[in-house]
């Protein structure tokens, strides 16, 4: 399937797993600082509105399927916090890096990604659906411009990979 991708997307598809695995090697305190600095402004309205109250004293896992790495979050006070988790999360949303980029850039409806098995929810379904909807409704305008631009570029690449893979799957079913 990789051979059917344009050359620049083939290269990206080969480099991406290494970069994602490398991100998991970053010290936890740095991961925590970066994720909380980016996610809390993005989710500030949802937190203020009580949309994430279900996460109080509960744990959400976000798992990247390409690496098997999972980040765990909980709501403490009025902030989403990355935590070190030793037990299974109350709910885990798993998906490819591209699927999460598509949702965060609002380039694809999360329900479509779940229906096509690009994303999966395990555990407390109500909590998972609430989180999925919050992720889809984030306003990336609150991000610093360089971060927002990087997210847009990554989202555009993710969309191209997603569309190419969907076309390849459709062609293989037709033959």
Foldseek 3Di string as FASTA:
>chain_A
DLVLAPPVLSVCVVCVLVVVVVVVVPDPVVVFVVCQVQVCLQCQVCLVVCLLVVQAVFKEWEAAVSHRDIWIWGQDDSTITTDDDDDDGQKYKYAHPLLLLCQQVLVDQNVVCVVVVRIDMDHDVVNVVSVSVSSNPTDNVSPDVVVSVVSVVSNVSSVSVVVSVVVVVVVVVVD
